[in-house]
Protein backbone atom coordinates (compact mmCIF):
# COMPACT_ATOMS: atom_id res chain seq x y z
CA MET A 1 99.35 121.43 75.15
CA ASN A 2 100.59 119.56 78.22
CA SER A 3 103.19 121.75 79.84
CA THR A 4 105.93 120.33 82.00
CA ALA A 5 104.58 122.23 85.01
CA ALA A 6 101.19 120.53 84.64
CA GLN A 7 102.85 117.13 84.34
CA ILE A 8 104.89 117.74 87.50
CA ILE A 9 101.82 118.86 89.44
CA VAL A 10 99.83 115.84 88.27
CA SER A 11 102.66 113.51 89.28
CA ILE A 12 103.00 115.13 92.73
CA ILE A 13 99.28 114.82 93.62
CA PRO A 14 99.38 111.05 94.43
CA ILE A 15 102.57 111.48 96.44
CA VAL A 16 101.01 114.23 98.55
CA GLY A 17 97.86 112.13 98.99
CA ILE A 18 99.84 109.13 100.22
CA VAL A 19 101.93 111.25 102.59
CA MET A 20 98.86 113.01 104.03
CA GLY A 21 96.99 109.73 104.42
CA SER A 22 99.98 108.20 106.17
CA LEU A 23 100.18 111.16 108.54
CA ILE A 24 96.50 110.87 109.40
CA ILE A 25 96.87 107.15 110.15
CA PHE A 26 100.04 107.75 112.18
CA PHE A 27 98.50 110.43 114.38
CA TYR A 28 95.29 108.42 114.85
CA LEU A 29 97.31 105.43 116.06
CA LEU A 30 99.53 107.62 118.26
CA TRP A 31 96.65 109.46 119.94
CA ASN A 32 94.61 106.28 120.34
CA TYR A 33 97.62 104.65 122.02
CA LYS A 34 98.09 107.62 124.37
CA LEU A 35 94.37 107.60 125.19
CA LYS A 36 94.48 103.91 126.08
CA VAL A 37 97.59 104.39 128.24
CA GLU A 38 95.90 107.19 130.20
CA MET A 39 92.71 105.16 130.60
CA ILE A 40 94.73 102.20 131.91
CA LYS A 41 96.52 104.49 134.39
CA LYS A 42 93.17 105.77 135.68
CA GLY A 43 91.66 102.27 135.75
CA ILE A 44 88.74 103.04 133.44
CA TYR A 45 89.83 101.04 130.38
CA ASN A 46 87.55 98.21 129.26
CA LYS A 47 89.04 96.03 126.55
CA THR A 48 86.63 95.41 123.69
CA ASN A 49 86.61 92.00 122.06
CA PHE A 50 87.24 91.87 118.34
CA ASP A 51 84.73 89.70 116.45
CA ILE A 52 86.94 88.04 113.83
CA ASP A 53 84.04 86.07 112.36
CA THR A 54 81.92 89.10 111.50
CA PHE A 55 84.98 91.01 110.28
CA SER A 56 86.09 88.20 107.97
CA LEU A 57 82.57 87.71 106.60
CA LEU A 58 81.89 91.39 105.95
CA SER A 59 85.32 92.29 104.57
CA GLY A 60 85.44 89.07 102.54
CA LEU A 61 82.11 89.80 100.89
CA LEU A 62 83.00 93.43 100.19
CA ILE A 63 86.47 92.73 98.82
CA PHE A 64 85.32 89.73 96.77
CA PHE A 65 82.50 91.61 95.04
CA VAL A 66 84.61 94.72 94.43
CA GLY A 67 87.24 92.48 92.82
CA LEU A 68 84.57 90.68 90.80
CA MET A 69 83.22 93.97 89.47
CA LEU A 70 86.75 95.08 88.57
CA VAL A 71 87.32 91.82 86.68
CA LEU A 72 84.07 92.27 84.75
CA PHE A 73 84.88 95.92 84.01
CA PHE A 74 88.36 95.19 82.68
CA LEU A 75 87.15 92.18 80.68
CA ILE A 76 84.55 94.35 78.97
CA LYS A 77 86.91 97.31 78.53
CA ASP A 78 90.17 95.66 77.43
CA GLY A 79 89.43 91.97 77.05
CA PHE A 80 91.66 89.47 78.78
CA SER A 81 94.75 91.54 79.63
CA TYR A 82 96.93 92.49 82.59
CA GLY A 83 94.22 94.88 83.80
CA VAL A 84 92.15 91.87 84.85
CA LEU A 85 94.76 91.18 87.56
CA SER A 86 93.66 94.34 89.34
CA GLY A 87 90.36 92.58 89.93
CA LEU A 88 91.59 89.03 90.40
CA ILE A 89 93.86 89.93 93.31
CA PRO A 90 91.13 91.49 95.50
CA SER A 91 88.77 88.68 94.47
CA ALA A 92 91.28 86.11 95.70
CA VAL A 93 91.79 87.99 98.98
CA GLY A 94 88.03 88.27 99.51
CA LEU A 95 87.54 84.60 98.67
CA SER A 96 90.25 83.61 101.15
CA LEU A 97 88.53 85.64 103.88
CA LEU A 98 85.22 83.95 103.07
CA LEU A 99 86.87 80.52 103.18
CA PHE A 100 88.41 81.43 106.54
CA PHE A 101 84.95 82.35 107.83
CA ILE A 102 83.43 79.07 106.57
CA ILE A 103 86.22 76.90 107.99
CA ARG A 104 86.18 78.72 111.33
CA HIS A 105 82.38 78.49 111.51
CA LYS A 106 82.47 74.73 110.85
CA THR A 107 85.20 74.10 113.43
CA LYS A 108 83.27 76.08 116.06
CA LYS A 109 80.22 73.85 115.56
CA SER A 110 82.16 70.63 116.13
């Protein structure tokens, strides 16, 4: 019942999504850059400080627990298979961000 036209359309959907998402990100970065250049020219630009500690804690917690839930889901669904890697990789990234936060927090105290 799957026609070739339906298969082609289904295979094109992710490509279009990636291209459109890339265009949105590109134009956001371009317009944000132009805005900052104009603000610098007019002398009204105030640089905002980026809080790396809060960013690493928040993103580390979010990514770690999303990865953990993916690991649990794929373990229940398929058992121990290659699908578990789709949860282990974000868990490792989230854990590394949390370790970065802990190490940075300890070095700031001393």
